[in-house]
N, C-alpha and C. Protein backbone atom coordinates (compact mmCIF):
# COMPACT_ATOMS: atom_id res chain seq x y z
N MET A 1 -20.09 65.39 -11.37
CA MET A 1 -19.64 64.00 -11.28
C MET A 1 -19.14 63.31 -12.26
N LYS A 2 -18.20 62.45 -12.07
CA LYS A 2 -17.36 61.92 -13.30
C LYS A 2 -18.55 60.66 -13.57
N ASP A 3 -18.67 60.59 -14.91
CA ASP A 3 -19.35 59.44 -15.38
C ASP A 3 -18.45 58.19 -16.00
N ILE A 4 -18.81 57.33 -14.95
CA ILE A 4 -17.55 56.14 -15.05
C ILE A 4 -18.19 54.82 -16.22
N ASP A 5 -17.49 54.28 -17.11
CA ASP A 5 -18.13 53.56 -17.75
C ASP A 5 -18.24 52.01 -17.27
N PRO A 6 -19.19 51.57 -16.53
CA PRO A 6 -18.81 50.07 -16.06
C PRO A 6 -18.41 49.10 -16.97
N PHE A 7 -18.44 49.31 -18.15
CA PHE A 7 -17.78 48.33 -19.32
C PHE A 7 -16.30 48.44 -19.50
N GLU A 8 -15.79 49.64 -19.00
CA GLU A 8 -14.34 49.77 -19.29
C GLU A 8 -13.55 49.36 -18.51
N ASN A 9 -12.59 48.64 -18.99
CA ASN A 9 -11.57 48.08 -18.08
C ASN A 9 -10.23 48.99 -17.82
N GLN A 10 -10.36 49.12 -16.31
CA GLN A 10 -9.40 49.94 -15.99
C GLN A 10 -8.01 49.62 -16.21
N TYR A 11 -7.77 47.80 -16.17
CA TYR A 11 -6.50 47.49 -16.10
C TYR A 11 -5.95 47.50 -17.99
N LEU A 12 -6.83 47.49 -18.62
CA LEU A 12 -6.19 47.87 -19.86
C LEU A 12 -6.04 49.13 -20.28
N LYS A 13 -6.21 50.12 -19.52
CA LYS A 13 -6.11 51.59 -19.78
C LYS A 13 -4.79 51.94 -18.78
N HIS A 14 -4.53 51.21 -17.62
CA HIS A 14 -3.04 51.23 -17.25
C HIS A 14 -2.06 50.56 -17.86
N LEU A 15 -2.11 49.61 -18.46
CA LEU A 15 -1.46 48.86 -19.57
C LEU A 15 -1.17 49.68 -20.50
N GLN A 16 -2.14 50.34 -21.14
CA GLN A 16 -2.03 51.43 -22.06
C GLN A 16 -0.96 52.51 -21.90
N LEU A 17 -1.19 53.09 -20.49
CA LEU A 17 -0.03 54.11 -20.12
C LEU A 17 1.24 53.48 -20.03
N PHE A 18 1.36 52.15 -19.51
CA PHE A 18 2.84 51.62 -19.49
C PHE A 18 3.24 51.53 -20.90
N PHE A 19 2.73 51.04 -21.91
CA PHE A 19 3.16 51.13 -23.32
C PHE A 19 3.77 52.70 -23.72
N TYR A 20 3.05 53.43 -23.32
CA TYR A 20 3.25 54.95 -23.79
C TYR A 20 4.95 55.07 -23.27
N LEU A 21 5.17 54.48 -21.86
CA LEU A 21 6.35 54.89 -21.41
C LEU A 21 7.44 53.95 -21.73
N VAL A 22 7.48 52.96 -23.13
CA VAL A 22 8.53 52.28 -23.07
C VAL A 22 9.22 53.12 -24.17
N PRO A 23 10.72 53.02 -23.95
CA PRO A 23 11.59 53.99 -24.52
C PRO A 23 11.52 53.99 -26.12
N VAL A 24 11.43 54.90 -26.85
CA VAL A 24 11.41 54.77 -28.29
C VAL A 24 10.23 54.42 -28.75
N VAL A 25 9.67 53.23 -28.46
CA VAL A 25 8.37 52.49 -28.97
C VAL A 25 7.18 53.32 -28.58
N GLY A 26 7.17 53.68 -27.67
CA GLY A 26 6.10 54.59 -26.81
C GLY A 26 5.82 55.85 -27.33
N PHE A 27 6.78 56.26 -28.31
CA PHE A 27 6.70 57.68 -28.71
C PHE A 27 5.55 57.66 -29.68
N PHE A 28 5.53 56.66 -30.73
CA PHE A 28 3.93 56.35 -31.38
C PHE A 28 3.05 56.53 -30.97
N PRO A 29 2.59 55.51 -29.93
CA PRO A 29 1.04 55.77 -29.58
C PRO A 29 0.94 56.85 -28.75
N SER A 30 2.12 57.70 -28.39
CA SER A 30 1.85 58.72 -27.69
C SER A 30 1.58 59.81 -28.56
N ILE A 31 2.29 59.97 -29.44
CA ILE A 31 2.00 61.15 -30.35
C ILE A 31 0.46 60.87 -31.14
N TRP A 32 0.28 59.69 -31.35
CA TRP A 32 -1.11 59.21 -32.24
C TRP A 32 -2.47 59.73 -30.92
N THR A 33 -2.24 59.64 -29.66
CA THR A 33 -3.31 59.90 -28.79
C THR A 33 -3.13 61.49 -28.68
N LEU A 34 -2.04 62.16 -28.77
CA LEU A 34 -2.13 63.50 -29.04
C LEU A 34 -2.76 64.30 -30.05
N TYR A 35 -2.35 63.70 -31.26
CA TYR A 35 -2.90 64.12 -32.47
C TYR A 35 -4.39 63.80 -32.51
N ARG A 36 -4.94 62.80 -31.92
CA ARG A 36 -6.15 62.23 -32.13
C ARG A 36 -7.08 63.25 -31.25
N ARG A 37 -6.56 63.66 -29.93
CA ARG A 37 -6.81 64.74 -29.03
C ARG A 37 -8.16 63.82 -28.46
N GLN A 38 -7.89 62.46 -28.25
CA GLN A 38 -8.66 61.67 -27.35
C GLN A 38 -7.88 60.88 -26.13
N GLY A 39 -8.67 60.39 -25.37
CA GLY A 39 -8.08 59.88 -24.09
C GLY A 39 -8.06 60.56 -22.84
N SER A 40 -8.07 60.00 -21.77
CA SER A 40 -8.38 60.82 -20.63
C SER A 40 -7.38 61.78 -20.17
N ARG A 41 -7.82 62.47 -19.40
CA ARG A 41 -6.81 63.63 -19.08
C ARG A 41 -5.18 62.83 -18.19
N GLU A 42 -5.26 61.82 -17.98
CA GLU A 42 -4.12 60.82 -17.42
C GLU A 42 -3.27 60.56 -18.58
N GLU A 43 -4.11 60.11 -19.72
CA GLU A 43 -3.54 59.36 -20.73
C GLU A 43 -2.67 60.76 -21.61
N GLN A 44 -3.51 61.86 -21.59
CA GLN A 44 -2.79 63.08 -22.41
C GLN A 44 -1.53 63.39 -21.58
N ALA A 45 -1.71 63.50 -20.13
CA ALA A 45 -0.31 63.92 -19.65
C ALA A 45 0.79 62.73 -19.84
N VAL A 46 0.47 61.55 -19.91
CA VAL A 46 1.50 60.54 -19.81
C VAL A 46 2.04 60.83 -21.35
N SER A 47 1.07 61.23 -22.35
CA SER A 47 1.67 61.08 -23.71
C SER A 47 2.29 62.14 -23.68
N ARG A 48 2.00 63.05 -23.31
CA ARG A 48 2.64 64.70 -23.46
C ARG A 48 4.06 64.51 -22.85
N LEU A 49 4.39 63.74 -21.72
CA LEU A 49 5.57 63.67 -21.14
C LEU A 49 6.56 62.54 -21.67
N ALA A 50 5.93 61.68 -22.62
CA ALA A 50 6.78 60.51 -23.25
C ALA A 50 7.24 61.20 -24.48
N VAL A 51 6.26 62.10 -25.17
CA VAL A 51 6.74 62.65 -26.33
C VAL A 51 7.78 63.66 -26.13
N THR A 52 7.97 64.41 -25.10
CA THR A 52 8.85 65.36 -24.74
C THR A 52 10.22 64.89 -24.40
N LEU A 53 10.02 63.68 -23.40
CA LEU A 53 11.50 63.17 -23.15
C LEU A 53 12.15 62.20 -24.51
N ALA A 54 11.10 61.76 -25.48
CA ALA A 54 11.82 61.10 -26.65
C ALA A 54 12.32 62.41 -27.63
N CYS A 55 11.31 63.29 -27.77
CA CYS A 55 12.10 64.26 -28.59
C CYS A 55 13.27 64.69 -27.99
N ALA A 56 13.58 65.16 -26.67
CA ALA A 56 14.80 65.71 -26.05
C ALA A 56 15.93 64.44 -26.21
N TRP A 57 15.57 63.27 -26.04
CA TRP A 57 16.66 62.19 -26.16
C TRP A 57 17.31 62.26 -27.93
N LEU A 58 16.13 62.22 -28.72
CA LEU A 58 16.56 62.06 -29.87
C LEU A 58 17.14 63.56 -30.41
N SER A 59 16.82 64.67 -30.15
CA SER A 59 17.61 65.86 -30.45
C SER A 59 19.08 65.93 -29.68
N GLY A 60 19.19 65.39 -28.46
CA GLY A 60 20.51 65.10 -27.96
C GLY A 60 21.29 64.15 -28.54
N CYS A 61 20.67 63.06 -29.08
CA CYS A 61 21.59 62.07 -29.55
C CYS A 61 22.16 62.72 -31.14
N LEU A 62 21.22 63.49 -31.91
CA LEU A 62 21.45 63.62 -32.97
C LEU A 62 22.72 64.76 -32.88
N LEU A 63 22.50 65.57 -31.81
CA LEU A 63 23.65 66.73 -31.84
C LEU A 63 24.79 66.22 -31.47
N LEU A 64 24.91 65.42 -30.44
CA LEU A 64 26.28 64.45 -30.16
C LEU A 64 26.85 63.70 -31.05
N GLY A 65 25.92 63.20 -32.00
CA GLY A 65 26.23 62.56 -33.04
C GLY A 65 26.96 63.02 -34.13
N ALA A 66 26.47 64.12 -34.41
CA ALA A 66 26.88 65.23 -35.28
C ALA A 66 28.19 65.92 -34.95
N GLY A 67 28.14 66.01 -33.65
CA GLY A 67 29.58 66.64 -33.33
C GLY A 67 30.69 65.73 -32.89
N SER A 68 30.15 64.27 -32.89
CA SER A 68 31.29 63.45 -32.84
C SER A 68 31.91 63.13 -34.26
N GLN A 69 31.03 63.63 -35.20
CA GLN A 69 31.38 63.41 -36.54
C GLN A 69 32.40 64.49 -36.97
N VAL A 70 32.17 65.64 -36.30
CA VAL A 70 33.00 67.09 -37.01
C VAL A 70 34.31 67.06 -35.88
N SER A 71 34.01 66.73 -34.87
CA SER A 71 35.10 67.18 -34.17
C SER A 71 36.26 65.58 -33.97
N GLU A 72 37.44 65.77 -34.32
CA GLU A 72 38.33 64.72 -34.24
C GLU A 72 38.96 64.42 -32.84
N MET A 73 39.06 65.72 -31.97
CA MET A 73 39.58 65.53 -30.68
C MET A 73 38.62 65.09 -29.85
N PHE A 74 37.19 65.39 -29.74
CA PHE A 74 36.18 64.96 -28.87
C PHE A 74 35.54 63.65 -29.45
N THR A 75 35.93 63.25 -30.45
CA THR A 75 34.85 61.90 -30.63
C THR A 75 34.41 61.05 -29.90
N LEU A 76 35.44 60.41 -29.24
CA LEU A 76 35.12 59.40 -28.01
C LEU A 76 34.28 59.82 -26.94
N ARG A 77 34.49 61.21 -26.53
CA ARG A 77 33.82 61.84 -25.39
C ARG A 77 32.42 62.08 -25.55
N LEU A 78 32.38 62.54 -26.85
CA LEU A 78 30.88 62.89 -27.03
C LEU A 78 30.12 61.53 -27.61
N LEU A 79 30.81 60.31 -28.11
CA LEU A 79 30.19 59.19 -28.04
C LEU A 79 29.70 58.69 -26.81
N PHE A 80 30.59 58.70 -25.68
CA PHE A 80 30.42 58.39 -24.47
C PHE A 80 29.38 59.19 -23.98
N LEU A 81 29.16 60.52 -24.22
CA LEU A 81 27.97 61.15 -23.77
C LEU A 81 26.66 61.02 -24.12
N ASN A 82 26.67 60.26 -25.33
CA ASN A 82 25.56 59.95 -26.13
C ASN A 82 25.31 58.69 -25.55
N THR A 83 25.98 57.70 -25.14
CA THR A 83 25.62 56.59 -24.56
C THR A 83 24.96 56.61 -23.07
N LEU A 84 25.64 57.91 -22.41
CA LEU A 84 24.87 58.24 -21.43
C LEU A 84 23.79 58.81 -21.31
N LEU A 85 23.40 59.44 -22.62
CA LEU A 85 22.27 59.99 -22.57
C LEU A 85 21.15 58.94 -22.75
N THR A 86 21.50 58.05 -23.68
CA THR A 86 20.66 56.79 -24.14
C THR A 86 20.56 56.25 -22.80
N SER A 87 21.00 55.60 -22.07
CA SER A 87 21.26 54.91 -20.56
C SER A 87 20.14 55.81 -20.02
N GLY A 88 20.26 57.16 -19.51
CA GLY A 88 19.56 57.83 -18.77
C GLY A 88 18.05 57.92 -19.25
N TYR A 89 17.69 57.88 -20.53
CA TYR A 89 16.53 57.99 -20.89
C TYR A 89 15.83 56.82 -20.65
N SER A 90 16.17 55.84 -20.84
CA SER A 90 15.76 54.55 -20.85
C SER A 90 15.59 54.16 -19.20
N LEU A 91 16.52 54.43 -18.24
CA LEU A 91 16.47 54.35 -16.88
C LEU A 91 15.05 55.44 -16.46
N VAL A 92 14.79 56.62 -16.98
CA VAL A 92 14.03 57.47 -16.49
C VAL A 92 12.89 56.97 -17.04
N CYS A 93 12.59 56.38 -18.17
CA CYS A 93 11.17 55.64 -18.58
C CYS A 93 10.84 54.54 -17.54
N LEU A 94 11.99 53.70 -17.37
CA LEU A 94 11.81 52.58 -16.31
C LEU A 94 11.41 53.12 -14.84
N TRP A 95 12.01 54.25 -14.56
CA TRP A 95 11.51 54.63 -13.19
C TRP A 95 10.18 55.09 -13.42
N LEU A 96 9.85 55.94 -14.74
CA LEU A 96 8.21 56.28 -14.67
C LEU A 96 7.17 55.02 -14.75
N MET A 97 7.57 53.99 -15.14
CA MET A 97 6.87 52.72 -15.07
C MET A 97 6.78 52.22 -13.92
N VAL A 98 7.86 52.46 -12.93
CA VAL A 98 7.72 52.17 -11.37
C VAL A 98 7.04 52.65 -10.82
N LEU A 99 6.87 54.30 -11.11
CA LEU A 99 5.82 54.86 -10.23
C LEU A 99 4.49 54.69 -10.54
N LEU A 100 4.22 54.40 -12.37
CA LEU A 100 2.85 53.98 -12.63
C LEU A 100 2.36 52.77 -11.86
N TRP A 101 3.26 52.05 -12.05
CA TRP A 101 3.01 50.65 -11.17
C TRP A 101 2.58 50.93 -9.83
N GLN A 102 3.10 51.69 -9.21
CA GLN A 102 2.64 52.05 -7.52
C GLN A 102 1.71 52.97 -7.60
N ARG A 103 1.17 53.43 -8.75
CA ARG A 103 0.17 54.47 -8.95
C ARG A 103 0.56 55.56 -8.22
N LYS A 104 1.73 56.10 -8.43
CA LYS A 104 2.07 57.53 -7.69
C LYS A 104 2.15 58.44 -9.15
N SER A 105 2.07 59.66 -8.81
CA SER A 105 2.09 61.01 -9.58
C SER A 105 3.42 60.87 -10.63
N LEU A 106 3.09 60.80 -11.97
CA LEU A 106 4.09 60.76 -13.04
C LEU A 106 4.82 62.25 -13.35
N ARG A 107 5.26 62.94 -12.55
CA ARG A 107 5.60 64.29 -12.66
C ARG A 107 7.16 64.28 -12.68
N LEU A 108 7.62 64.89 -13.40
CA LEU A 108 9.16 64.95 -13.64
C LEU A 108 9.74 66.79 -13.39
N PRO A 109 10.31 66.89 -12.54
CA PRO A 109 10.67 68.60 -12.57
C PRO A 109 10.87 69.06 -13.57
N GLY A 110 10.44 69.93 -14.06
CA GLY A 110 11.24 70.65 -15.22
C GLY A 110 10.32 69.94 -16.59
N PHE A 111 10.58 68.79 -16.82
CA PHE A 111 10.06 68.26 -17.97
C PHE A 111 8.42 67.82 -18.16
N SER A 112 7.69 67.75 -16.97
CA SER A 112 6.29 67.76 -16.85
C SER A 112 5.37 69.22 -17.12
N ARG A 113 6.36 70.19 -16.56
CA ARG A 113 5.84 71.77 -16.65
C ARG A 113 6.11 71.94 -18.32
N PHE A 114 7.32 71.70 -18.95
CA PHE A 114 7.71 72.01 -20.28
C PHE A 114 6.59 71.04 -21.44
N ALA A 115 6.45 70.10 -20.74
CA ALA A 115 5.53 69.46 -21.58
C ALA A 115 4.06 69.72 -21.84
N ASP A 116 3.61 70.04 -20.53
CA ASP A 116 2.15 70.80 -20.50
C ASP A 116 2.48 72.18 -21.33
N ARG A 117 3.31 72.83 -20.99
CA ARG A 117 3.44 74.20 -21.86
C ARG A 117 3.70 74.07 -23.44
N VAL A 118 4.25 73.47 -23.82
CA VAL A 118 4.82 73.30 -25.09
C VAL A 118 4.21 72.44 -25.84
N VAL A 119 4.43 71.08 -25.48
CA VAL A 119 3.52 69.83 -26.36
C VAL A 119 2.24 70.01 -26.14
N GLY A 120 1.71 70.53 -25.12
CA GLY A 120 0.29 70.50 -24.82
C GLY A 120 -0.54 71.92 -25.85
N LYS A 121 0.47 72.81 -26.16
CA LYS A 121 -0.28 74.17 -26.79
C LYS A 121 -0.14 73.59 -28.39
N HIS A 122 0.82 72.80 -28.74
CA HIS A 122 0.79 72.43 -30.31
C HIS A 122 0.05 71.12 -30.52
N LEU A 123 -0.11 70.01 -29.46
CA LEU A 123 -0.49 68.92 -29.93
C LEU A 123 -2.17 68.66 -29.05
N SER A 124 -2.29 69.12 -27.71
CA SER A 124 -3.36 68.81 -27.23
C SER A 124 -4.68 69.71 -27.78
């Protein structure tokens, strides 16, 4: 049986999950939650997903930015892809927030499993 603290505010826990999903900014409280190894199972899962998405976005941006600096021929195309990647990252985070608001499962095909295996192994 689950021990539920009657003084724990579930709305604040839900708001904290929203904060984990804010693009770029939510990475820091997510990594802190994983580093401390505290929080509920749901908080750990959302934190792993947020860290995985942010790291994938950052590595993609760095690679595309470096490629645009090196290449003279594909500079504009790579910068455009960088813009699409950043917009996609923001939209995925917004979509996850909508799913969280609807109290649905926050599973992304491919990313959730990767987050559980890799990030969960190293930080959880």
